[in-house]
Amino acid sequence: MLTSKQRAYLRGIANSIDTIVHIGKGGMSDTIIKQADDALTAREIIKGKCLENCELTPRESAEIIAEKVSADVVQVIGSKFVLYRPNPDEPIIKLPKAKK
């Protein structure tokens, strides 16, 4: 579970990255889940977008992908969403410490 400071830090990082997951009229498929999983393993943070002809809302899409790949939803704004999952072997992003 991410704290608000960690979420804000990740939102800042997400501003400069490109959208790599696009969900269209085909909806959620195993290919999209695999693509998101592979990208999260390599990058730890990804940005996705629901196209206009998608039957799912961006929030629903983000929640479904996050559940299937064990990631956290960082934010959902408009048609875009950001997901984060730390790489247990070689972490790239160093999150601010959570207060106890």
PDB file of N, CA and C in Angstrom:
ATOM      1  N   MET A   1       0.840  -1.186   0.000  1.00  0.00           N
ATOM      2  CA  MET A   1       0.000   0.000   0.000  1.00  0.00           C
ATOM      3  C   MET A   1       0.881   1.244   0.000  1.00  0.00           C
ATOM      4  N   LEU A   2       0.592   2.152  -0.882  1.00  0.00           N
ATOM      5  CA  LEU A   2       1.385   3.366  -1.031  1.00  0.00           C
ATOM      6  C   LEU A   2       0.862   4.478  -0.125  1.00  0.00           C
ATOM      7  N   THR A   3       1.791   5.255   0.444  1.00  0.00           N
ATOM      8  CA  THR A   3       1.392   6.423   1.219  1.00  0.00           C
ATOM      9  C   THR A   3       1.145   7.578   0.253  1.00  0.00           C
ATOM     10  N   SER A   4       0.591   8.665   0.752  1.00  0.00           N
ATOM     11  CA  SER A   4       0.310   9.807  -0.124  1.00  0.00           C
ATOM     12  C   SER A   4       1.601  10.442  -0.644  1.00  0.00           C
ATOM     13  N   LYS A   5       2.668  10.459   0.171  1.00  0.00           N
ATOM     14  CA  LYS A   5       3.950  10.996  -0.298  1.00  0.00           C
ATOM     15  C   LYS A   5       4.544  10.122  -1.394  1.00  0.00           C
ATOM     16  N   GLN A   6       4.463   8.810  -1.223  1.00  0.00           N
ATOM     17  CA  GLN A   6       4.976   7.902  -2.241  1.00  0.00           C
ATOM     18  C   GLN A   6       4.175   8.041  -3.530  1.00  0.00           C
ATOM     19  N   ARG A   7       2.862   8.165  -3.393  1.00  0.00           N
ATOM     20  CA  ARG A   7       1.988   8.324  -4.557  1.00  0.00           C
ATOM     21  C   ARG A   7       2.322   9.626  -5.299  1.00  0.00           C
ATOM     22  N   ALA A   8       2.544  10.697  -4.552  1.00  0.00           N
ATOM     23  CA  ALA A   8       2.894  11.983  -5.158  1.00  0.00           C
ATOM     24  C   ALA A   8       4.239  11.889  -5.878  1.00  0.00           C
ATOM     25  N   TYR A   9       5.197  11.202  -5.277  1.00  0.00           N
ATOM     26  CA  TYR A   9       6.511  11.016  -5.892  1.00  0.00           C
ATOM     27  C   TYR A   9       6.374  10.252  -7.214  1.00  0.00           C
ATOM     28  N   LEU A  10       5.575   9.194  -7.206  1.00  0.00           N
ATOM     29  CA  LEU A  10       5.369   8.389  -8.421  1.00  0.00           C
ATOM     30  C   LEU A  10       4.617   9.175  -9.493  1.00  0.00           C
ATOM     31  N   ARG A  11       3.668  10.018  -9.086  1.00  0.00           N
ATOM     32  CA  ARG A  11       2.958  10.863 -10.059  1.00  0.00           C
ATOM     33  C   ARG A  11       3.935  11.792 -10.764  1.00  0.00           C
ATOM     34  N   GLY A  12       4.909  12.318 -10.011  1.00  0.00           N
ATOM     35  CA  GLY A  12       5.922  13.184 -10.609  1.00  0.00           C
ATOM     36  C   GLY A  12       6.759  12.454 -11.640  1.00  0.00           C
ATOM     37  N   ILE A  13       7.129  11.221 -11.329  1.00  0.00           N
ATOM     38  CA  ILE A  13       7.902  10.408 -12.275  1.00  0.00           C
ATOM     39  C   ILE A  13       7.061  10.103 -13.512  1.00  0.00           C
ATOM     40  N   ALA A  14       5.778   9.833 -13.311  1.00  0.00           N
ATOM     41  CA  ALA A  14       4.892   9.434 -14.414  1.00  0.00           C
ATOM     42  C   ALA A  14       4.665  10.551 -15.424  1.00  0.00           C
ATOM     43  N   ASN A  15       4.870  11.812 -15.022  1.00  0.00           N
ATOM     44  CA  ASN A  15       4.665  12.925 -15.954  1.00  0.00           C
ATOM     45  C   ASN A  15       5.531  12.812 -17.188  1.00  0.00           C
ATOM     46  N   SER A  16       6.738  12.304 -17.032  1.00  0.00           N
ATOM     47  CA  SER A  16       7.680  12.308 -18.152  1.00  0.00           C
ATOM     48  C   SER A  16       7.727  11.001 -18.950  1.00  0.00           C
ATOM     49  N   ILE A  17       6.955   9.997 -18.541  1.00  0.00           N
ATOM     50  CA  ILE A  17       7.006   8.735 -19.284  1.00  0.00           C
ATOM     51  C   ILE A  17       5.916   8.679 -20.352  1.00  0.00           C
ATOM     52  N   ASP A  18       6.137   7.851 -21.354  1.00  0.00           N
ATOM     53  CA  ASP A  18       5.180   7.693 -22.447  1.00  0.00           C
ATOM     54  C   ASP A  18       4.133   6.647 -22.103  1.00  0.00           C
ATOM     55  N   THR A  19       2.971   6.774 -22.722  1.00  0.00           N
ATOM     56  CA  THR A  19       1.904   5.795 -22.566  1.00  0.00           C
ATOM     57  C   THR A  19       2.258   4.559 -23.381  1.00  0.00           C
ATOM     58  N   ILE A  20       2.283   3.392 -22.728  1.00  0.00           N
ATOM     59  CA  ILE A  20       2.680   2.183 -23.460  1.00  0.00           C
ATOM     60  C   ILE A  20       1.578   1.130 -23.527  1.00  0.00           C
ATOM     61  N   VAL A  21       0.547   1.252 -22.687  1.00  0.00           N
ATOM     62  CA  VAL A  21      -0.562   0.288 -22.711  1.00  0.00           C
ATOM     63  C   VAL A  21      -1.794   1.014 -23.225  1.00  0.00           C
ATOM     64  N   HIS A  22      -2.348   0.516 -24.327  1.00  0.00           N
ATOM     65  CA  HIS A  22      -3.556   1.108 -24.912  1.00  0.00           C
ATOM     66  C   HIS A  22      -4.659   0.061 -24.901  1.00  0.00           C
ATOM     67  N   ILE A  23      -5.813   0.438 -24.344  1.00  0.00           N
ATOM     68  CA  ILE A  23      -6.949  -0.481 -24.286  1.00  0.00           C
ATOM     69  C   ILE A  23      -8.033   0.082 -25.198  1.00  0.00           C
ATOM     70  N   GLY A  24      -8.430  -0.713 -26.186  1.00  0.00           N
ATOM     71  CA  GLY A  24      -9.398  -0.255 -27.180  1.00  0.00           C
ATOM     72  C   GLY A  24     -10.700  -1.012 -27.119  1.00  0.00           C
ATOM     73  N   LYS A  25     -11.336  -1.145 -28.271  1.00  0.00           N
ATOM     74  CA  LYS A  25     -12.661  -1.768 -28.318  1.00  0.00           C
ATOM     75  C   LYS A  25     -12.627  -3.247 -27.989  1.00  0.00           C
ATOM     76  N   GLY A  26     -11.467  -3.876 -28.093  1.00  0.00           N
ATOM     77  CA  GLY A  26     -11.337  -5.285 -27.735  1.00  0.00           C
ATOM     78  C   GLY A  26     -11.420  -5.518 -26.235  1.00  0.00           C
ATOM     79  N   GLY A  27     -11.309  -4.442 -25.468  1.00  0.00           N
ATOM     80  CA  GLY A  27     -11.379  -4.556 -24.009  1.00  0.00           C
ATOM     81  C   GLY A  27     -10.114  -5.175 -23.437  1.00  0.00           C
ATOM     82  N   MET A  28     -10.260  -5.792 -22.292  1.00  0.00           N
ATOM     83  CA  MET A  28      -9.130  -6.383 -21.594  1.00  0.00           C
ATOM     84  C   MET A  28      -8.853  -7.769 -22.164  1.00  0.00           C
ATOM     85  N   SER A  29      -7.609  -8.004 -22.564  1.00  0.00           N
ATOM     86  CA  SER A  29      -7.242  -9.312 -23.093  1.00  0.00           C
ATOM     87  C   SER A  29      -5.982  -9.797 -22.388  1.00  0.00           C
ATOM     88  N   ASP A  30      -5.672 -11.074 -22.577  1.00  0.00           N
ATOM     89  CA  ASP A  30      -4.471 -11.641 -21.975  1.00  0.00           C
ATOM     90  C   ASP A  30      -3.208 -10.960 -22.513  1.00  0.00           C
ATOM     91  N   THR A  31      -3.263 -10.510 -23.753  1.00  0.00           N
ATOM     92  CA  THR A  31      -2.118  -9.831 -24.360  1.00  0.00           C
ATOM     93  C   THR A  31      -1.824  -8.525 -23.628  1.00  0.00           C
ATOM     94  N   ILE A  32      -2.865  -7.774 -23.303  1.00  0.00           N
ATOM     95  CA  ILE A  32      -2.686  -6.506 -22.593  1.00  0.00           C
ATOM     96  C   ILE A  32      -2.139  -6.761 -21.191  1.00  0.00           C
ATOM     97  N   ILE A  33      -2.665  -7.780 -20.516  1.00  0.00           N
ATOM     98  CA  ILE A  33      -2.191  -8.124 -19.174  1.00  0.00           C
ATOM     99  C   ILE A  33      -0.709  -8.517 -19.236  1.00  0.00           C
ATOM    100  N   LYS A  34      -0.335  -9.326 -20.224  1.00  0.00           N
ATOM    101  CA  LYS A  34       1.061  -9.752 -20.354  1.00  0.00           C
ATOM    102  C   LYS A  34       1.965  -8.571 -20.675  1.00  0.00           C
ATOM    103  N   GLN A  35       1.508  -7.693 -21.547  1.00  0.00           N
ATOM    104  CA  GLN A  35       2.281  -6.512 -21.908  1.00  0.00           C
ATOM    105  C   GLN A  35       2.516  -5.639 -20.663  1.00  0.00           C
ATOM    106  N   ALA A  36       1.483  -5.428 -19.873  1.00  0.00           N
ATOM    107  CA  ALA A  36       1.609  -4.621 -18.654  1.00  0.00           C
ATOM    108  C   ALA A  36       2.540  -5.293 -17.656  1.00  0.00           C
ATOM    109  N   ASP A  37       2.416  -6.612 -17.516  1.00  0.00           N
ATOM    110  CA  ASP A  37       3.258  -7.355 -16.575  1.00  0.00           C
ATOM    111  C   ASP A  37       4.738  -7.251 -16.969  1.00  0.00           C
ATOM    112  N   ASP A  38       5.041  -7.459 -18.244  1.00  0.00           N
ATOM    113  CA  ASP A  38       6.416  -7.372 -18.732  1.00  0.00           C
ATOM    114  C   ASP A  38       6.976  -5.959 -18.554  1.00  0.00           C
ATOM    115  N   ALA A  39       6.158  -4.958 -18.865  1.00  0.00           N
ATOM    116  CA  ALA A  39       6.607  -3.571 -18.744  1.00  0.00           C
ATOM    117  C   ALA A  39       6.855  -3.192 -17.285  1.00  0.00           C
ATOM    118  N   LEU A  40       6.007  -3.661 -16.381  1.00  0.00           N
ATOM    119  CA  LEU A  40       6.199  -3.369 -14.959  1.00  0.00           C
ATOM    120  C   LEU A  40       7.463  -4.032 -14.428  1.00  0.00           C
ATOM    121  N   THR A  41       7.763  -5.213 -14.899  1.00  0.00           N
ATOM    122  CA  THR A  41       8.985  -5.893 -14.479  1.00  0.00           C
ATOM    123  C   THR A  41      10.212  -5.107 -14.928  1.00  0.00           C
ATOM    124  N   ALA A  42      10.174  -4.585 -16.144  1.00  0.00           N
ATOM    125  CA  ALA A  42      11.315  -3.854 -16.684  1.00  0.00           C
ATOM    126  C   ALA A  42      11.414  -2.425 -16.164  1.00  0.00           C
ATOM    127  N   ARG A  43      10.265  -1.731 -16.020  1.00  0.00           N
ATOM    128  CA  ARG A  43      10.282  -0.299 -15.720  1.00  0.00           C
ATOM    129  C   ARG A  43       9.791   0.076 -14.331  1.00  0.00           C
ATOM    130  N   GLU A  44       8.996  -0.757 -13.706  1.00  0.00           N
ATOM    131  CA  GLU A  44       8.367  -0.554 -12.395  1.00  0.00           C
ATOM    132  C   GLU A  44       7.168   0.395 -12.443  1.00  0.00           C
ATOM    133  N   ILE A  45       7.129   1.331 -13.371  1.00  0.00           N
ATOM    134  CA  ILE A  45       6.000   2.259 -13.471  1.00  0.00           C
ATOM    135  C   ILE A  45       5.597   2.374 -14.942  1.00  0.00           C
ATOM    136  N   ILE A  46       4.296   2.294 -15.190  1.00  0.00           N
ATOM    137  CA  ILE A  46       3.810   2.402 -16.575  1.00  0.00           C
ATOM    138  C   ILE A  46       2.590   3.307 -16.618  1.00  0.00           C
ATOM    139  N   LYS A  47       2.361   3.851 -17.801  1.00  0.00           N
ATOM    140  CA  LYS A  47       1.190   4.681 -18.041  1.00  0.00           C
ATOM    141  C   LYS A  47       0.342   3.990 -19.097  1.00  0.00           C
ATOM    142  N   GLY A  48      -0.963   3.939 -18.855  1.00  0.00           N
ATOM    143  CA  GLY A  48      -1.882   3.324 -19.802  1.00  0.00           C
ATOM    144  C   GLY A  48      -2.986   4.277 -20.189  1.00  0.00           C
ATOM    145  N   LYS A  49      -3.683   3.950 -21.264  1.00  0.00           N
ATOM    146  CA  LYS A  49      -4.767   4.804 -21.746  1.00  0.00           C
ATOM    147  C   LYS A  49      -5.919   3.953 -22.253  1.00  0.00           C
ATOM    148  N   CYS A  50      -7.119   4.380 -21.929  1.00  0.00           N
ATOM    149  CA  CYS A  50      -8.325   3.767 -22.488  1.00  0.00           C
ATOM    150  C   CYS A  50      -8.772   4.627 -23.661  1.00  0.00           C
ATOM    151  N   LEU A  51      -8.871   4.018 -24.820  1.00  0.00           N
ATOM    152  CA  LEU A  51      -9.306   4.746 -26.000  1.00  0.00           C
ATOM    153  C   LEU A  51     -10.808   5.006 -25.930  1.00  0.00           C
ATOM    154  N   GLU A  52     -11.299   5.886 -26.788  1.00  0.00           N
ATOM    155  CA  GLU A  52     -12.712   6.290 -26.744  1.00  0.00           C
ATOM    156  C   GLU A  52     -13.673   5.127 -26.961  1.00  0.00           C
ATOM    157  N   ASN A  53     -13.277   4.132 -27.757  1.00  0.00           N
ATOM    158  CA  ASN A  53     -14.177   3.024 -28.060  1.00  0.00           C
ATOM    159  C   ASN A  53     -14.071   1.873 -27.062  1.00  0.00           C
ATOM    160  N   CYS A  54     -13.388   2.074 -25.953  1.00  0.00           N
ATOM    161  CA  CYS A  54     -13.255   1.042 -24.922  1.00  0.00           C
ATOM    162  C   CYS A  54     -14.524   1.018 -24.069  1.00  0.00           C
ATOM    163  N   GLU A  55     -15.017  -0.198 -23.787  1.00  0.00           N
ATOM    164  CA  GLU A  55     -16.246  -0.289 -22.989  1.00  0.00           C
ATOM    165  C   GLU A  55     -15.983  -0.168 -21.491  1.00  0.00           C
ATOM    166  N   LEU A  56     -14.732  -0.262 -21.072  1.00  0.00           N
ATOM    167  CA  LEU A  56     -14.365  -0.112 -19.661  1.00  0.00           C
ATOM    168  C   LEU A  56     -13.948   1.326 -19.372  1.00  0.00           C
ATOM    169  N   THR A  57     -14.193   1.771 -18.133  1.00  0.00           N
ATOM    170  CA  THR A  57     -13.692   3.086 -17.735  1.00  0.00           C
ATOM    171  C   THR A  57     -12.199   2.955 -17.427  1.00  0.00           C
ATOM    172  N   PRO A  58     -11.472   4.053 -17.442  1.00  0.00           N
ATOM    173  CA  PRO A  58     -10.048   3.983 -17.089  1.00  0.00           C
ATOM    174  C   PRO A  58      -9.831   3.424 -15.677  1.00  0.00           C
ATOM    175  N   ARG A  59     -10.692   3.764 -14.744  1.00  0.00           N
ATOM    176  CA  ARG A  59     -10.569   3.264 -13.367  1.00  0.00           C
ATOM    177  C   ARG A  59     -10.744   1.747 -13.339  1.00  0.00           C
ATOM    178  N   GLU A  60     -11.752   1.246 -14.040  1.00  0.00           N
ATOM    179  CA  GLU A  60     -11.982  -0.206 -14.090  1.00  0.00           C
ATOM    180  C   GLU A  60     -10.801  -0.923 -14.735  1.00  0.00           C
ATOM    181  N   SER A  61     -10.294  -0.367 -15.823  1.00  0.00           N
ATOM    182  CA  SER A  61      -9.155  -0.977 -16.519  1.00  0.00           C
ATOM    183  C   SER A  61      -7.935  -1.031 -15.609  1.00  0.00           C
ATOM    184  N   ALA A  62      -7.652   0.081 -14.928  1.00  0.00           N
ATOM    185  CA  ALA A  62      -6.494   0.138 -14.034  1.00  0.00           C
ATOM    186  C   ALA A  62      -6.627  -0.869 -12.898  1.00  0.00           C
ATOM    187  N   GLU A  63      -7.816  -0.973 -12.323  1.00  0.00           N
ATOM    188  CA  GLU A  63      -8.043  -1.907 -11.213  1.00  0.00           C
ATOM    189  C   GLU A  63      -7.884  -3.363 -11.673  1.00  0.00           C
ATOM    190  N   ILE A  64      -8.398  -3.686 -12.840  1.00  0.00           N
ATOM    191  CA  ILE A  64      -8.299  -5.059 -13.360  1.00  0.00           C
ATOM    192  C   ILE A  64      -6.841  -5.439 -13.607  1.00  0.00           C
ATOM    193  N   ILE A  65      -6.114  -4.557 -14.288  1.00  0.00           N
ATOM    194  CA  ILE A  65      -4.703  -4.849 -14.571  1.00  0.00           C
ATOM    195  C   ILE A  65      -3.921  -4.939 -13.267  1.00  0.00           C
ATOM    196  N   ALA A  66      -4.134  -4.000 -12.358  1.00  0.00           N
ATOM    197  CA  ALA A  66      -3.403  -3.984 -11.090  1.00  0.00           C
ATOM    198  C   ALA A  66      -3.640  -5.261 -10.289  1.00  0.00           C
ATOM    199  N   GLU A  67      -4.871  -5.726 -10.287  1.00  0.00           N
ATOM    200  CA  GLU A  67      -5.189  -6.959  -9.558  1.00  0.00           C
ATOM    201  C   GLU A  67      -4.492  -8.168 -10.172  1.00  0.00           C
ATOM    202  N   LYS A  68      -4.496  -8.235 -11.502  1.00  0.00           N
ATOM    203  CA  LYS A  68      -3.924  -9.410 -12.172  1.00  0.00           C
ATOM    204  C   LYS A  68      -2.407  -9.453 -12.125  1.00  0.00           C
ATOM    205  N   VAL A  69      -1.742  -8.297 -12.062  1.00  0.00           N
ATOM    206  CA  VAL A  69      -0.279  -8.269 -12.063  1.00  0.00           C
ATOM    207  C   VAL A  69       0.301  -7.869 -10.706  1.00  0.00           C
ATOM    208  N   SER A  70      -0.530  -7.776  -9.681  1.00  0.00           N
ATOM    209  CA  SER A  70      -0.105  -7.410  -8.315  1.00  0.00           C
ATOM    210  C   SER A  70       0.595  -6.057  -8.279  1.00  0.00           C
ATOM    211  N   ALA A  71      -0.044  -5.052  -8.855  1.00  0.00           N
ATOM    212  CA  ALA A  71       0.504  -3.699  -8.894  1.00  0.00           C
ATOM    213  C   ALA A  71      -0.393  -2.756  -8.096  1.00  0.00           C
ATOM    214  N   ASP A  72       0.073  -1.535  -7.907  1.00  0.00           N
ATOM    215  CA  ASP A  72      -0.710  -0.487  -7.247  1.00  0.00           C
ATOM    216  C   ASP A  72      -1.143   0.536  -8.286  1.00  0.00           C
ATOM    217  N   VAL A  73      -2.386   1.011  -8.162  1.00  0.00           N
ATOM    218  CA  VAL A  73      -2.860   2.096  -9.014  1.00  0.00           C
ATOM    219  C   VAL A  73      -2.370   3.392  -8.383  1.00  0.00           C
ATOM    220  N   VAL A  74      -1.555   4.132  -9.113  1.00  0.00           N
ATOM    221  CA  VAL A  74      -1.014   5.390  -8.595  1.00  0.00           C
ATOM    222  C   VAL A  74      -2.018   6.507  -8.811  1.00  0.00           C
ATOM    223  N   GLN A  75      -2.531   6.624 -10.029  1.00  0.00           N
ATOM    224  CA  GLN A  75      -3.525   7.655 -10.317  1.00  0.00           C
ATOM    225  C   GLN A  75      -4.317   7.315 -11.562  1.00  0.00           C
ATOM    226  N   VAL A  76      -5.504   7.904 -11.648  1.00  0.00           N
ATOM    227  CA  VAL A  76      -6.338   7.821 -12.837  1.00  0.00           C
ATOM    228  C   VAL A  76      -6.817   9.234 -13.118  1.00  0.00           C
ATOM    229  N   ILE A  77      -6.436   9.768 -14.281  1.00  0.00           N
ATOM    230  CA  ILE A  77      -6.872  11.108 -14.668  1.00  0.00           C
ATOM    231  C   ILE A  77      -7.371  11.046 -16.098  1.00  0.00           C
ATOM    232  N   GLY A  78      -8.612  11.442 -16.298  1.00  0.00           N
ATOM    233  CA  GLY A  78      -9.196  11.409 -17.635  1.00  0.00           C
ATOM    234  C   GLY A  78      -9.200   9.995 -18.180  1.00  0.00           C
ATOM    235  N   SER A  79      -8.574   9.802 -19.332  1.00  0.00           N
ATOM    236  CA  SER A  79      -8.544   8.472 -19.941  1.00  0.00           C
ATOM    237  C   SER A  79      -7.241   7.732 -19.636  1.00  0.00           C
ATOM    238  N   LYS A  80      -6.359   8.339 -18.837  1.00  0.00           N
ATOM    239  CA  LYS A  80      -5.064   7.721 -18.554  1.00  0.00           C
ATOM    240  C   LYS A  80      -4.963   7.232 -17.119  1.00  0.00           C
ATOM    241  N   PHE A  81      -4.104   6.235 -16.932  1.00  0.00           N
ATOM    242  CA  PHE A  81      -3.859   5.706 -15.595  1.00  0.00           C
ATOM    243  C   PHE A  81      -2.389   5.334 -15.458  1.00  0.00           C
ATOM    244  N   VAL A  82      -1.928   5.296 -14.204  1.00  0.00           N
ATOM    245  CA  VAL A  82      -0.532   4.976 -13.910  1.00  0.00           C
ATOM    246  C   VAL A  82      -0.506   3.825 -12.913  1.00  0.00           C
ATOM    247  N   LEU A  83       0.327   2.813 -13.198  1.00  0.00           N
ATOM    248  CA  LEU A  83       0.478   1.651 -12.329  1.00  0.00           C
ATOM    249  C   LEU A  83       1.931   1.533 -11.877  1.00  0.00           C
ATOM    250  N   TYR A  84       2.118   1.026 -10.648  1.00  0.00           N
ATOM    251  CA  TYR A  84       3.466   0.842 -10.095  1.00  0.00           C
ATOM    252  C   TYR A  84       3.577  -0.521  -9.432  1.00  0.00           C
ATOM    253  N   ARG A  85       4.683  -1.190  -9.694  1.00  0.00           N
ATOM    254  CA  ARG A  85       5.011  -2.440  -9.007  1.00  0.00           C
ATOM    255  C   ARG A  85       6.525  -2.504  -8.865  1.00  0.00           C
ATOM    256  N   PRO A  86       7.041  -2.552  -7.632  1.00  0.00           N
ATOM    257  CA  PRO A  86       8.495  -2.602  -7.473  1.00  0.00           C
ATOM    258  C   PRO A  86       9.065  -3.925  -7.964  1.00  0.00           C
ATOM    259  N   ASN A  87      10.254  -3.859  -8.540  1.00  0.00           N
ATOM    260  CA  ASN A  87      10.964  -5.057  -8.977  1.00  0.00           C
ATOM    261  C   ASN A  87      11.702  -5.611  -7.760  1.00  0.00           C
ATOM    262  N   PRO A  88      11.368  -6.827  -7.297  1.00  0.00           N
ATOM    263  CA  PRO A  88      11.995  -7.353  -6.080  1.00  0.00           C
ATOM    264  C   PRO A  88      13.484  -7.650  -6.235  1.00  0.00           C
ATOM    265  N   ASP A  89      13.949  -7.939  -7.451  1.00  0.00           N
ATOM    266  CA  ASP A  89      15.348  -8.293  -7.672  1.00  0.00           C
ATOM    267  C   ASP A  89      16.242  -7.065  -7.834  1.00  0.00           C
ATOM    268  N   GLU A  90      15.849  -6.162  -8.719  1.00  0.00           N
ATOM    269  CA  GLU A  90      16.652  -4.979  -9.010  1.00  0.00           C
ATOM    270  C   GLU A  90      15.767  -3.738  -9.015  1.00  0.00           C
ATOM    271  N   PRO A  91      15.469  -3.169  -7.831  1.00  0.00           N
ATOM    272  CA  PRO A  91      14.605  -1.985  -7.809  1.00  0.00           C
ATOM    273  C   PRO A  91      15.253  -0.792  -8.514  1.00  0.00           C
ATOM    274  N   ILE A  92      14.483  -0.114  -9.339  1.00  0.00           N
ATOM    275  CA  ILE A  92      14.958   1.051 -10.077  1.00  0.00           C
ATOM    276  C   ILE A  92      14.545   2.331  -9.362  1.00  0.00           C
ATOM    277  N   ILE A  93      13.287   2.373  -8.921  1.00  0.00           N
ATOM    278  CA  ILE A  93      12.727   3.559  -8.282  1.00  0.00           C
ATOM    279  C   ILE A  93      12.876   3.417  -6.762  1.00  0.00           C
ATOM    280  N   LYS A  94      13.432   4.444  -6.148  1.00  0.00           N
ATOM    281  CA  LYS A  94      13.585   4.460  -4.698  1.00  0.00           C
ATOM    282  C   LYS A  94      12.494   5.373  -4.123  1.00  0.00           C
ATOM    283  N   LEU A  95      11.524   4.764  -3.455  1.00  0.00           N
ATOM    284  CA  LEU A  95      10.404   5.504  -2.885  1.00  0.00           C
ATOM    285  C   LEU A  95      10.798   6.197  -1.593  1.00  0.00           C
ATOM    286  N   PRO A  96      10.165   7.341  -1.276  1.00  0.00           N
ATOM    287  CA  PRO A  96      10.379   7.962   0.037  1.00  0.00           C
ATOM    288  C   PRO A  96       9.894   6.998   1.133  1.00  0.00           C
ATOM    289  N   LYS A  97      10.536   7.042   2.268  1.00  0.00           N
ATOM    290  CA  LYS A  97      10.179   6.138   3.375  1.00  0.00           C
ATOM    291  C   LYS A  97       8.805   6.487   3.933  1.00  0.00           C
ATOM    292  N   ALA A  98       8.065   5.445   4.314  1.00  0.00           N
ATOM    293  CA  ALA A  98       6.757   5.637   4.950  1.00  0.00           C
ATOM    294  C   ALA A  98       6.970   5.858   6.445  1.00  0.00           C
ATOM    295  N   LYS A  99       6.214   6.802   7.000  1.00  0.00           N
ATOM    296  CA  LYS A  99       6.318   7.060   8.441  1.00  0.00           C
ATOM    297  C   LYS A  99       5.622   5.952   9.201  1.00  0.00           C
ATOM    298  N   LYS A 100       6.159   5.632  10.366  1.00  0.00           N
ATOM    299  CA  LYS A 100       5.568   4.552  11.171  1.00  0.00           C
ATOM    300  C   LYS A 100       4.695   5.089  12.259  1.00  0.00           C
TER     301      LYS A 100
END
